Amino acid sequence: MDSNLENKVKETLENIKPWQRVPTNVRGMFLVKTPSSGRQETVMIEINPVDAQGNPIKRRGIFLKKSSELEGFVDVMQNNKVKDLLKVLEKITGVNTDIEIDPIEI
């Protein structure tokens, strides 16, 4: 583990409120401090892809505390049946994600 990274995270946690989202240099990855339980502080990673303006695409993303949780999500998301099911849902609901809307210049 990189002690420099650990120190940066600890320093950041001291200056933020619970549930505050702290962006990282990885697009779509945020640090989130949760309310402490007892003397133990909890921090999680929120995975929430961002749009062209850098805003998260969902109100809440996927919260992770352990690398094993990440591995579990990656395993599920890499299953081709997930993509197949999403395509069917898009067809049923009429959602077309292939259409890109250009921003309006003012």
PDB file of N, CA and C in Angstrom:
ATOM      1  N   MET A   1       0.837  -1.172   0.000  1.00  0.00           N
ATOM      2  CA  MET A   1       0.000   0.000   0.000  1.00  0.00           C
ATOM      3  C   MET A   1       0.886   1.241   0.000  1.00  0.00           C
ATOM      4  N   ASP A   2       0.465   2.227  -0.736  1.00  0.00           N
ATOM      5  CA  ASP A   2       1.208   3.476  -0.853  1.00  0.00           C
ATOM      6  C   ASP A   2       0.899   4.357   0.355  1.00  0.00           C
ATOM      7  N   SER A   3       1.913   4.613   1.196  1.00  0.00           N
ATOM      8  CA  SER A   3       1.691   5.404   2.413  1.00  0.00           C
ATOM      9  C   SER A   3       1.354   6.853   2.078  1.00  0.00           C
ATOM     10  N   ASN A   4       1.856   7.359   0.950  1.00  0.00           N
ATOM     11  CA  ASN A   4       1.532   8.710   0.522  1.00  0.00           C
ATOM     12  C   ASN A   4       0.040   8.824   0.222  1.00  0.00           C
ATOM     13  N   LEU A   5      -0.505   7.839  -0.471  1.00  0.00           N
ATOM     14  CA  LEU A   5      -1.935   7.808  -0.773  1.00  0.00           C
ATOM     15  C   LEU A   5      -2.744   7.685   0.518  1.00  0.00           C
ATOM     16  N   GLU A   6      -2.286   6.838   1.414  1.00  0.00           N
ATOM     17  CA  GLU A   6      -2.975   6.664   2.694  1.00  0.00           C
ATOM     18  C   GLU A   6      -3.035   7.983   3.462  1.00  0.00           C
ATOM     19  N   ASN A   7      -1.932   8.717   3.488  1.00  0.00           N
ATOM     20  CA  ASN A   7      -1.893  10.010   4.182  1.00  0.00           C
ATOM     21  C   ASN A   7      -2.829  11.025   3.533  1.00  0.00           C
ATOM     22  N   LYS A   8      -2.877  11.043   2.187  1.00  0.00           N
ATOM     23  CA  LYS A   8      -3.764  11.962   1.480  1.00  0.00           C
ATOM     24  C   LYS A   8      -5.220  11.664   1.812  1.00  0.00           C
ATOM     25  N   VAL A   9      -5.579  10.389   1.851  1.00  0.00           N
ATOM     26  CA  VAL A   9      -6.954   9.997   2.159  1.00  0.00           C
ATOM     27  C   VAL A   9      -7.303  10.405   3.590  1.00  0.00           C
ATOM     28  N   LYS A  10      -6.418  10.119   4.543  1.00  0.00           N
ATOM     29  CA  LYS A  10      -6.669  10.489   5.937  1.00  0.00           C
ATOM     30  C   LYS A  10      -6.842  11.996   6.091  1.00  0.00           C
ATOM     31  N   GLU A  11      -5.998  12.757   5.438  1.00  0.00           N
ATOM     32  CA  GLU A  11      -6.077  14.219   5.510  1.00  0.00           C
ATOM     33  C   GLU A  11      -7.397  14.715   4.913  1.00  0.00           C
ATOM     34  N   THR A  12      -7.792  14.145   3.817  1.00  0.00           N
ATOM     35  CA  THR A  12      -9.052  14.534   3.175  1.00  0.00           C
ATOM     36  C   THR A  12     -10.238  14.221   4.072  1.00  0.00           C
ATOM     37  N   LEU A  13     -10.216  13.058   4.723  1.00  0.00           N
ATOM     38  CA  LEU A  13     -11.326  12.652   5.586  1.00  0.00           C
ATOM     39  C   LEU A  13     -11.518  13.595   6.767  1.00  0.00           C
ATOM     40  N   GLU A  14     -10.442  14.203   7.217  1.00  0.00           N
ATOM     41  CA  GLU A  14     -10.540  15.121   8.349  1.00  0.00           C
ATOM     42  C   GLU A  14     -11.318  16.381   7.990  1.00  0.00           C
ATOM     43  N   ASN A  15     -11.352  16.724   6.714  1.00  0.00           N
ATOM     44  CA  ASN A  15     -11.917  17.998   6.292  1.00  0.00           C
ATOM     45  C   ASN A  15     -13.269  17.890   5.585  1.00  0.00           C
ATOM     46  N   ILE A  16     -13.900  16.727   5.596  1.00  0.00           N
ATOM     47  CA  ILE A  16     -15.180  16.589   4.916  1.00  0.00           C
ATOM     48  C   ILE A  16     -16.259  16.104   5.873  1.00  0.00           C
ATOM     49  N   LYS A  17     -17.498  16.316   5.463  1.00  0.00           N
ATOM     50  CA  LYS A  17     -18.657  15.900   6.251  1.00  0.00           C
ATOM     51  C   LYS A  17     -19.092  14.507   5.812  1.00  0.00           C
ATOM     52  N   PRO A  18     -19.828  13.797   6.683  1.00  0.00           N
ATOM     53  CA  PRO A  18     -20.369  12.498   6.274  1.00  0.00           C
ATOM     54  C   PRO A  18     -21.228  12.631   5.017  1.00  0.00           C
ATOM     55  N   TRP A  19     -21.101  11.677   4.138  1.00  0.00           N
ATOM     56  CA  TRP A  19     -21.795  11.539   2.857  1.00  0.00           C
ATOM     57  C   TRP A  19     -21.332  12.539   1.818  1.00  0.00           C
ATOM     58  N   GLN A  20     -20.297  13.292   2.115  1.00  0.00           N
ATOM     59  CA  GLN A  20     -19.754  14.202   1.112  1.00  0.00           C
ATOM     60  C   GLN A  20     -18.962  13.395   0.093  1.00  0.00           C
ATOM     61  N   ARG A  21     -19.163  13.694  -1.164  1.00  0.00           N
ATOM     62  CA  ARG A  21     -18.497  12.995  -2.270  1.00  0.00           C
ATOM     63  C   ARG A  21     -17.252  13.772  -2.651  1.00  0.00           C
ATOM     64  N   VAL A  22     -16.092  13.090  -2.627  1.00  0.00           N
ATOM     65  CA  VAL A  22     -14.817  13.712  -2.972  1.00  0.00           C
ATOM     66  C   VAL A  22     -14.330  13.105  -4.282  1.00  0.00           C
ATOM     67  N   PRO A  23     -14.211  13.913  -5.333  1.00  0.00           N
ATOM     68  CA  PRO A  23     -13.747  13.367  -6.609  1.00  0.00           C
ATOM     69  C   PRO A  23     -12.279  12.947  -6.530  1.00  0.00           C
ATOM     70  N   THR A  24     -11.923  11.997  -7.351  1.00  0.00           N
ATOM     71  CA  THR A  24     -10.528  11.564  -7.481  1.00  0.00           C
ATOM     72  C   THR A  24     -10.070  11.869  -8.899  1.00  0.00           C
ATOM     73  N   ASN A  25      -8.829  11.575  -9.200  1.00  0.00           N
ATOM     74  CA  ASN A  25      -8.347  11.788 -10.561  1.00  0.00           C
ATOM     75  C   ASN A  25      -8.783  10.662 -11.512  1.00  0.00           C
ATOM     76  N   VAL A  26      -9.518   9.692 -11.005  1.00  0.00           N
ATOM     77  CA  VAL A  26     -10.090   8.638 -11.843  1.00  0.00           C
ATOM     78  C   VAL A  26     -11.547   9.021 -12.104  1.00  0.00           C
ATOM     79  N   ARG A  27     -11.881   9.299 -13.369  1.00  0.00           N
ATOM     80  CA  ARG A  27     -13.257   9.713 -13.704  1.00  0.00           C
ATOM     81  C   ARG A  27     -14.247   8.642 -13.253  1.00  0.00           C
ATOM     82  N   GLY A  28     -15.235   9.069 -12.475  1.00  0.00           N
ATOM     83  CA  GLY A  28     -16.270   8.154 -12.017  1.00  0.00           C
ATOM     84  C   GLY A  28     -15.968   7.462 -10.700  1.00  0.00           C
ATOM     85  N   MET A  29     -14.866   7.788 -10.058  1.00  0.00           N
ATOM     86  CA  MET A  29     -14.520   7.194  -8.770  1.00  0.00           C
ATOM     87  C   MET A  29     -14.410   8.310  -7.726  1.00  0.00           C
ATOM     88  N   PHE A  30     -15.172   8.148  -6.638  1.00  0.00           N
ATOM     89  CA  PHE A  30     -15.238   9.147  -5.588  1.00  0.00           C
ATOM     90  C   PHE A  30     -14.967   8.498  -4.237  1.00  0.00           C
ATOM     91  N   LEU A  31     -14.432   9.278  -3.302  1.00  0.00           N
ATOM     92  CA  LEU A  31     -14.343   8.857  -1.906  1.00  0.00           C
ATOM     93  C   LEU A  31     -15.559   9.416  -1.195  1.00  0.00           C
ATOM     94  N   VAL A  32     -16.141   8.617  -0.313  1.00  0.00           N
ATOM     95  CA  VAL A  32     -17.296   9.066   0.463  1.00  0.00           C
ATOM     96  C   VAL A  32     -17.076   8.668   1.907  1.00  0.00           C
ATOM     97  N   LYS A  33     -17.142   9.666   2.783  1.00  0.00           N
ATOM     98  CA  LYS A  33     -17.028   9.422   4.219  1.00  0.00           C
ATOM     99  C   LYS A  33     -18.426   9.150   4.756  1.00  0.00           C
ATOM    100  N   THR A  34     -18.573   8.073   5.512  1.00  0.00           N
ATOM    101  CA  THR A  34     -19.868   7.757   6.099  1.00  0.00           C
ATOM    102  C   THR A  34     -19.847   8.128   7.577  1.00  0.00           C
ATOM    103  N   PRO A  35     -21.022   8.282   8.177  1.00  0.00           N
ATOM    104  CA  PRO A  35     -21.047   8.605   9.609  1.00  0.00           C
ATOM    105  C   PRO A  35     -20.292   7.549  10.408  1.00  0.00           C
ATOM    106  N   SER A  36     -19.548   8.020  11.407  1.00  0.00           N
ATOM    107  CA  SER A  36     -18.745   7.085  12.197  1.00  0.00           C
ATOM    108  C   SER A  36     -19.632   6.295  13.142  1.00  0.00           C
ATOM    109  N   SER A  37     -19.226   5.057  13.369  1.00  0.00           N
ATOM    110  CA  SER A  37     -19.909   4.208  14.349  1.00  0.00           C
ATOM    111  C   SER A  37     -18.924   3.965  15.480  1.00  0.00           C
ATOM    112  N   GLY A  38     -19.184   4.610  16.581  1.00  0.00           N
ATOM    113  CA  GLY A  38     -18.224   4.519  17.682  1.00  0.00           C
ATOM    114  C   GLY A  38     -17.017   5.365  17.369  1.00  0.00           C
ATOM    115  N   ARG A  39     -15.846   4.788  17.533  1.00  0.00           N
ATOM    116  CA  ARG A  39     -14.608   5.518  17.251  1.00  0.00           C
ATOM    117  C   ARG A  39     -14.083   5.227  15.852  1.00  0.00           C
ATOM    118  N   GLN A  40     -14.698   4.303  15.149  1.00  0.00           N
ATOM    119  CA  GLN A  40     -14.214   3.880  13.843  1.00  0.00           C
ATOM    120  C   GLN A  40     -14.871   4.687  12.721  1.00  0.00           C
ATOM    121  N   GLU A  41     -14.062   5.369  11.921  1.00  0.00           N
ATOM    122  CA  GLU A  41     -14.576   6.063  10.749  1.00  0.00           C
ATOM    123  C   GLU A  41     -14.650   5.086   9.592  1.00  0.00           C
ATOM    124  N   THR A  42     -15.634   5.301   8.744  1.00  0.00           N
ATOM    125  CA  THR A  42     -15.767   4.467   7.569  1.00  0.00           C
ATOM    126  C   THR A  42     -15.675   5.342   6.332  1.00  0.00           C
ATOM    127  N   VAL A  43     -14.947   4.861   5.376  1.00  0.00           N
ATOM    128  CA  VAL A  43     -14.865   5.537   4.084  1.00  0.00           C
ATOM    129  C   VAL A  43     -15.086   4.480   3.012  1.00  0.00           C
ATOM    130  N   MET A  44     -15.767   4.874   1.968  1.00  0.00           N
ATOM    131  CA  MET A  44     -16.043   3.954   0.871  1.00  0.00           C
ATOM    132  C   MET A  44     -15.639   4.608  -0.436  1.00  0.00           C
ATOM    133  N   ILE A  45     -15.540   3.780  -1.434  1.00  0.00           N
ATOM    134  CA  ILE A  45     -15.378   4.255  -2.798  1.00  0.00           C
ATOM    135  C   ILE A  45     -16.755   4.188  -3.438  1.00  0.00           C
ATOM    136  N   GLU A  46     -17.133   5.262  -4.113  1.00  0.00           N
ATOM    137  CA  GLU A  46     -18.357   5.234  -4.902  1.00  0.00           C
ATOM    138  C   GLU A  46     -17.959   5.190  -6.366  1.00  0.00           C
ATOM    139  N   ILE A  47     -18.470   4.205  -7.071  1.00  0.00           N
ATOM    140  CA  ILE A  47     -18.257   4.094  -8.511  1.00  0.00           C
ATOM    141  C   ILE A  47     -19.526   4.622  -9.171  1.00  0.00           C
ATOM    142  N   ASN A  48     -19.383   5.698  -9.909  1.00  0.00           N
ATOM    143  CA  ASN A  48     -20.522   6.335 -10.554  1.00  0.00           C
ATOM    144  C   ASN A  48     -19.997   7.065 -11.782  1.00  0.00           C
ATOM    145  N   PRO A  49     -20.114   6.454 -12.956  1.00  0.00           N
ATOM    146  CA  PRO A  49     -19.591   7.103 -14.166  1.00  0.00           C
ATOM    147  C   PRO A  49     -20.132   8.520 -14.317  1.00  0.00           C
ATOM    148  N   VAL A  50     -19.356   9.363 -14.974  1.00  0.00           N
ATOM    149  CA  VAL A  50     -19.734  10.765 -15.138  1.00  0.00           C
ATOM    150  C   VAL A  50     -20.075  11.072 -16.588  1.00  0.00           C
ATOM    151  N   ASP A  51     -20.874  12.140 -16.774  1.00  0.00           N
ATOM    152  CA  ASP A  51     -21.240  12.568 -18.117  1.00  0.00           C
ATOM    153  C   ASP A  51     -20.152  13.479 -18.681  1.00  0.00           C
ATOM    154  N   ALA A  52     -20.420  14.077 -19.832  1.00  0.00           N
ATOM    155  CA  ALA A  52     -19.426  14.924 -20.497  1.00  0.00           C
ATOM    156  C   ALA A  52     -19.027  16.136 -19.663  1.00  0.00           C
ATOM    157  N   GLN A  53     -19.938  16.589 -18.785  1.00  0.00           N
ATOM    158  CA  GLN A  53     -19.640  17.740 -17.936  1.00  0.00           C
ATOM    159  C   GLN A  53     -18.955  17.343 -16.630  1.00  0.00           C
ATOM    160  N   GLY A  54     -18.759  16.046 -16.406  1.00  0.00           N
ATOM    161  CA  GLY A  54     -18.105  15.571 -15.190  1.00  0.00           C
ATOM    162  C   GLY A  54     -19.053  15.306 -14.040  1.00  0.00           C
ATOM    163  N   ASN A  55     -20.356  15.337 -14.304  1.00  0.00           N
ATOM    164  CA  ASN A  55     -21.359  15.075 -13.263  1.00  0.00           C
ATOM    165  C   ASN A  55     -21.696  13.589 -13.223  1.00  0.00           C
ATOM    166  N   PRO A  56     -21.884  13.013 -12.027  1.00  0.00           N
ATOM    167  CA  PRO A  56     -22.261  11.600 -11.936  1.00  0.00           C
ATOM    168  C   PRO A  56     -23.564  11.336 -12.689  1.00  0.00           C
ATOM    169  N   ILE A  57     -23.640  10.188 -13.373  1.00  0.00           N
ATOM    170  CA  ILE A  57     -24.826   9.903 -14.186  1.00  0.00           C
ATOM    171  C   ILE A  57     -25.994   9.375 -13.355  1.00  0.00           C
ATOM    172  N   LYS A  58     -25.728   8.876 -12.170  1.00  0.00           N
ATOM    173  CA  LYS A  58     -26.780   8.380 -11.283  1.00  0.00           C
ATOM    174  C   LYS A  58     -26.739   9.193  -9.991  1.00  0.00           C
ATOM    175  N   ARG A  59     -27.877   9.211  -9.299  1.00  0.00           N
ATOM    176  CA  ARG A  59     -27.917   9.921  -8.018  1.00  0.00           C
ATOM    177  C   ARG A  59     -26.934   9.288  -7.037  1.00  0.00           C
ATOM    178  N   ARG A  60     -26.934   7.974  -6.982  1.00  0.00           N
ATOM    179  CA  ARG A  60     -25.988   7.220  -6.157  1.00  0.00           C
ATOM    180  C   ARG A  60     -25.394   6.114  -7.007  1.00  0.00           C
ATOM    181  N   GLY A  61     -24.110   5.875  -6.813  1.00  0.00           N
ATOM    182  CA  GLY A  61     -23.438   4.823  -7.548  1.00  0.00           C
ATOM    183  C   GLY A  61     -23.355   3.550  -6.727  1.00  0.00           C
ATOM    184  N   ILE A  62     -22.343   2.781  -6.999  1.00  0.00           N
ATOM    185  CA  ILE A  62     -22.079   1.545  -6.272  1.00  0.00           C
ATOM    186  C   ILE A  62     -21.042   1.871  -5.195  1.00  0.00           C
ATOM    187  N   PHE A  63     -21.375   1.561  -3.944  1.00  0.00           N
ATOM    188  CA  PHE A  63     -20.474   1.835  -2.828  1.00  0.00           C
ATOM    189  C   PHE A  63     -19.709   0.573  -2.470  1.00  0.00           C
ATOM    190  N   LEU A  64     -18.391   0.714  -2.330  1.00  0.00           N
ATOM    191  CA  LEU A  64     -17.523  -0.422  -2.039  1.00  0.00           C
ATOM    192  C   LEU A  64     -16.621  -0.112  -0.844  1.00  0.00           C
ATOM    193  N   LYS A  65     -16.476  -1.124   0.038  1.00  0.00           N
ATOM    194  CA  LYS A  65     -15.552  -0.999   1.172  1.00  0.00           C
ATOM    195  C   LYS A  65     -14.382  -1.960   1.050  1.00  0.00           C
ATOM    196  N   LYS A  66     -14.577  -3.054   0.309  1.00  0.00           N
ATOM    197  CA  LYS A  66     -13.537  -4.083   0.223  1.00  0.00           C
ATOM    198  C   LYS A  66     -13.305  -4.464  -1.236  1.00  0.00           C
ATOM    199  N   SER A  67     -12.095  -4.893  -1.528  1.00  0.00           N
ATOM    200  CA  SER A  67     -11.770  -5.291  -2.901  1.00  0.00           C
ATOM    201  C   SER A  67     -12.584  -6.504  -3.338  1.00  0.00           C
ATOM    202  N   SER A  68     -12.990  -7.352  -2.386  1.00  0.00           N
ATOM    203  CA  SER A  68     -13.801  -8.521  -2.755  1.00  0.00           C
ATOM    204  C   SER A  68     -15.171  -8.091  -3.268  1.00  0.00           C
ATOM    205  N   GLU A  69     -15.691  -6.968  -2.764  1.00  0.00           N
ATOM    206  CA  GLU A  69     -16.962  -6.451  -3.280  1.00  0.00           C
ATOM    207  C   GLU A  69     -16.801  -6.022  -4.736  1.00  0.00           C
ATOM    208  N   LEU A  70     -15.712  -5.345  -5.035  1.00  0.00           N
ATOM    209  CA  LEU A  70     -15.439  -4.932  -6.410  1.00  0.00           C
ATOM    210  C   LEU A  70     -15.356  -6.149  -7.335  1.00  0.00           C
ATOM    211  N   GLU A  71     -14.630  -7.166  -6.891  1.00  0.00           N
ATOM    212  CA  GLU A  71     -14.487  -8.378  -7.707  1.00  0.00           C
ATOM    213  C   GLU A  71     -15.845  -9.012  -7.994  1.00  0.00           C
ATOM    214  N   GLY A  72     -16.737  -9.013  -7.013  1.00  0.00           N
ATOM    215  CA  GLY A  72     -18.071  -9.568  -7.209  1.00  0.00           C
ATOM    216  C   GLY A  72     -18.861  -8.793  -8.256  1.00  0.00           C
ATOM    217  N   PHE A  73     -18.830  -7.461  -8.177  1.00  0.00           N
ATOM    218  CA  PHE A  73     -19.537  -6.642  -9.161  1.00  0.00           C
ATOM    219  C   PHE A  73     -18.943  -6.813 -10.551  1.00  0.00           C
ATOM    220  N   VAL A  74     -17.615  -6.841 -10.638  1.00  0.00           N
ATOM    221  CA  VAL A  74     -16.960  -7.012 -11.941  1.00  0.00           C
ATOM    222  C   VAL A  74     -17.364  -8.345 -12.568  1.00  0.00           C
ATOM    223  N   ASP A  75     -17.396  -9.405 -11.777  1.00  0.00           N
ATOM    224  CA  ASP A  75     -17.798 -10.721 -12.294  1.00  0.00           C
ATOM    225  C   ASP A  75     -19.195 -10.674 -12.899  1.00  0.00           C
ATOM    226  N   VAL A  76     -20.122 -10.046 -12.194  1.00  0.00           N
ATOM    227  CA  VAL A  76     -21.497  -9.973 -12.695  1.00  0.00           C
ATOM    228  C   VAL A  76     -21.566  -9.107 -13.947  1.00  0.00           C
ATOM    229  N   MET A  77     -20.922  -7.962 -13.914  1.00  0.00           N
ATOM    230  CA  MET A  77     -21.016  -7.018 -15.028  1.00  0.00           C
ATOM    231  C   MET A  77     -20.324  -7.505 -16.286  1.00  0.00           C
ATOM    232  N   GLN A  78     -19.373  -8.410 -16.157  1.00  0.00           N
ATOM    233  CA  GLN A  78     -18.691  -8.946 -17.326  1.00  0.00           C
ATOM    234  C   GLN A  78     -19.475 -10.084 -17.976  1.00  0.00           C
ATOM    235  N   ASN A  79     -20.537 -10.521 -17.336  1.00  0.00           N
ATOM    236  CA  ASN A  79     -21.364 -11.581 -17.904  1.00  0.00           C
ATOM    237  C   ASN A  79     -22.142 -11.003 -19.087  1.00  0.00           C
ATOM    238  N   ASN A  80     -22.010 -11.617 -20.260  1.00  0.00           N
ATOM    239  CA  ASN A  80     -22.672 -11.127 -21.470  1.00  0.00           C
ATOM    240  C   ASN A  80     -24.189 -11.098 -21.336  1.00  0.00           C
ATOM    241  N   LYS A  81     -24.740 -11.909 -20.456  1.00  0.00           N
ATOM    242  CA  LYS A  81     -26.190 -11.949 -20.289  1.00  0.00           C
ATOM    243  C   LYS A  81     -26.722 -10.645 -19.680  1.00  0.00           C
ATOM    244  N   VAL A  82     -25.888  -9.937 -18.930  1.00  0.00           N
ATOM    245  CA  VAL A  82     -26.301  -8.643 -18.376  1.00  0.00           C
ATOM    246  C   VAL A  82     -26.557  -7.671 -19.523  1.00  0.00           C
ATOM    247  N   LYS A  83     -25.630  -7.620 -20.472  1.00  0.00           N
ATOM    248  CA  LYS A  83     -25.787  -6.722 -21.622  1.00  0.00           C
ATOM    249  C   LYS A  83     -26.990  -7.140 -22.468  1.00  0.00           C
ATOM    250  N   ASP A  84     -27.173  -8.448 -22.658  1.00  0.00           N
ATOM    251  CA  ASP A  84     -28.328  -8.934 -23.426  1.00  0.00           C
ATOM    252  C   ASP A  84     -29.635  -8.506 -22.769  1.00  0.00           C
ATOM    253  N   LEU A  85     -29.723  -8.652 -21.462  1.00  0.00           N
ATOM    254  CA  LEU A  85     -30.932  -8.285 -20.748  1.00  0.00           C
ATOM    255  C   LEU A  85     -31.183  -6.779 -20.825  1.00  0.00           C
ATOM    256  N   LEU A  86     -30.131  -5.976 -20.708  1.00  0.00           N
ATOM    257  CA  LEU A  86     -30.291  -4.533 -20.814  1.00  0.00           C
ATOM    258  C   LEU A  86     -30.801  -4.122 -22.192  1.00  0.00           C
ATOM    259  N   LYS A  87     -30.309  -4.778 -23.237  1.00  0.00           N
ATOM    260  CA  LYS A  87     -30.781  -4.480 -24.597  1.00  0.00           C
ATOM    261  C   LYS A  87     -32.267  -4.795 -24.725  1.00  0.00           C
ATOM    262  N   VAL A  88     -32.693  -5.900 -24.134  1.00  0.00           N
ATOM    263  CA  VAL A  88     -34.114  -6.256 -24.166  1.00  0.00           C
ATOM    264  C   VAL A  88     -34.933  -5.216 -23.415  1.00  0.00           C
ATOM    265  N   LEU A  89     -34.455  -4.807 -22.242  1.00  0.00           N
ATOM    266  CA  LEU A  89     -35.165  -3.796 -21.463  1.00  0.00           C
ATOM    267  C   LEU A  89     -35.260  -2.472 -22.210  1.00  0.00           C
ATOM    268  N   GLU A  90     -34.187  -2.085 -22.881  1.00  0.00           N
ATOM    269  CA  GLU A  90     -34.203  -0.857 -23.679  1.00  0.00           C
ATOM    270  C   GLU A  90     -35.240  -0.958 -24.791  1.00  0.00           C
ATOM    271  N   LYS A  91     -35.329  -2.119 -25.416  1.00  0.00           N
ATOM    272  CA  LYS A  91     -36.296  -2.330 -26.496  1.00  0.00           C
ATOM    273  C   LYS A  91     -37.727  -2.256 -25.956  1.00  0.00           C
ATOM    274  N   ILE A  92     -37.966  -2.895 -24.821  1.00  0.00           N
ATOM    275  CA  ILE A  92     -39.307  -2.917 -24.226  1.00  0.00           C
ATOM    276  C   ILE A  92     -39.730  -1.521 -23.781  1.00  0.00           C
ATOM    277  N   THR A  93     -38.823  -0.791 -23.146  1.00  0.00           N
ATOM    278  CA  THR A  93     -39.170   0.516 -22.587  1.00  0.00           C
ATOM    279  C   THR A  93     -39.010   1.659 -23.579  1.00  0.00           C
ATOM    280  N   GLY A  94     -38.451   1.379 -24.743  1.00  0.00           N
ATOM    281  CA  GLY A  94     -38.282   2.419 -25.747  1.00  0.00           C
ATOM    282  C   GLY A  94     -37.096   3.327 -25.501  1.00  0.00           C
ATOM    283  N   VAL A  95     -36.224   2.947 -24.603  1.00  0.00           N
ATOM    284  CA  VAL A  95     -35.033   3.744 -24.331  1.00  0.00           C
ATOM    285  C   VAL A  95     -34.002   3.447 -25.402  1.00  0.00           C
ATOM    286  N   ASN A  96     -33.499   4.510 -26.012  1.00  0.00           N
ATOM    287  CA  ASN A  96     -32.460   4.331 -27.023  1.00  0.00           C
ATOM    288  C   ASN A  96     -31.244   5.122 -26.579  1.00  0.00           C
ATOM    289  N   THR A  97     -30.235   4.418 -26.123  1.00  0.00           N
ATOM    290  CA  THR A  97     -29.033   5.090 -25.629  1.00  0.00           C
ATOM    291  C   THR A  97     -28.080   5.471 -26.749  1.00  0.00           C
ATOM    292  N   ASP A  98     -28.382   5.058 -27.992  1.00  0.00           N
ATOM    293  CA  ASP A  98     -27.494   5.373 -29.113  1.00  0.00           C
ATOM    294  C   ASP A  98     -27.672   6.798 -29.607  1.00  0.00           C
ATOM    295  N   ILE A  99     -28.784   7.440 -29.243  1.00  0.00           N
ATOM    296  CA  ILE A  99     -29.041   8.803 -29.691  1.00  0.00           C
ATOM    297  C   ILE A  99     -28.251   9.754 -28.801  1.00  0.00           C
ATOM    298  N   GLU A 100     -27.424  10.581 -29.452  1.00  0.00           N
ATOM    299  CA  GLU A 100     -26.645  11.546 -28.697  1.00  0.00           C
ATOM    300  C   GLU A 100     -27.215  12.930 -28.966  1.00  0.00           C
ATOM    301  N   ILE A 101     -27.522  13.646 -27.908  1.00  0.00           N
ATOM    302  CA  ILE A 101     -28.093  14.975 -28.032  1.00  0.00           C
ATOM    303  C   ILE A 101     -26.966  15.986 -27.892  1.00  0.00           C
ATOM    304  N   ASP A 102     -26.847  16.839 -28.900  1.00  0.00           N
ATOM    305  CA  ASP A 102     -25.813  17.866 -28.861  1.00  0.00           C
ATOM    306  C   ASP A 102     -26.220  18.984 -27.915  1.00  0.00           C
ATOM    307  N   PRO A 103     -25.261  19.522 -27.172  1.00  0.00           N
ATOM    308  CA  PRO A 103     -25.600  20.638 -26.283  1.00  0.00           C
ATOM    309  C   PRO A 103     -25.977  21.874 -27.091  1.00  0.00           C
ATOM    310  N   ILE A 104     -26.842  22.690 -26.530  1.00  0.00           N
ATOM    311  CA  ILE A 104     -27.277  23.926 -27.168  1.00  0.00           C
ATOM    312  C   ILE A 104     -26.283  25.021 -26.822  1.00  0.00           C
ATOM    313  N   GLU A 105     -25.811  25.704 -27.834  1.00  0.00           N
ATOM    314  CA  GLU A 105     -24.897  26.821 -27.598  1.00  0.00           C
ATOM    315  C   GLU A 105     -25.713  28.076 -27.403  1.00  0.00           C
ATOM    316  N   ILE A 106     -25.424  28.784 -26.332  1.00  0.00           N
ATOM    317  CA  ILE A 106     -26.177  30.004 -26.022  1.00  0.00           C
ATOM    318  C   ILE A 106     -25.272  31.208 -26.165  1.00  0.00           C
TER     319      ILE A 106
END
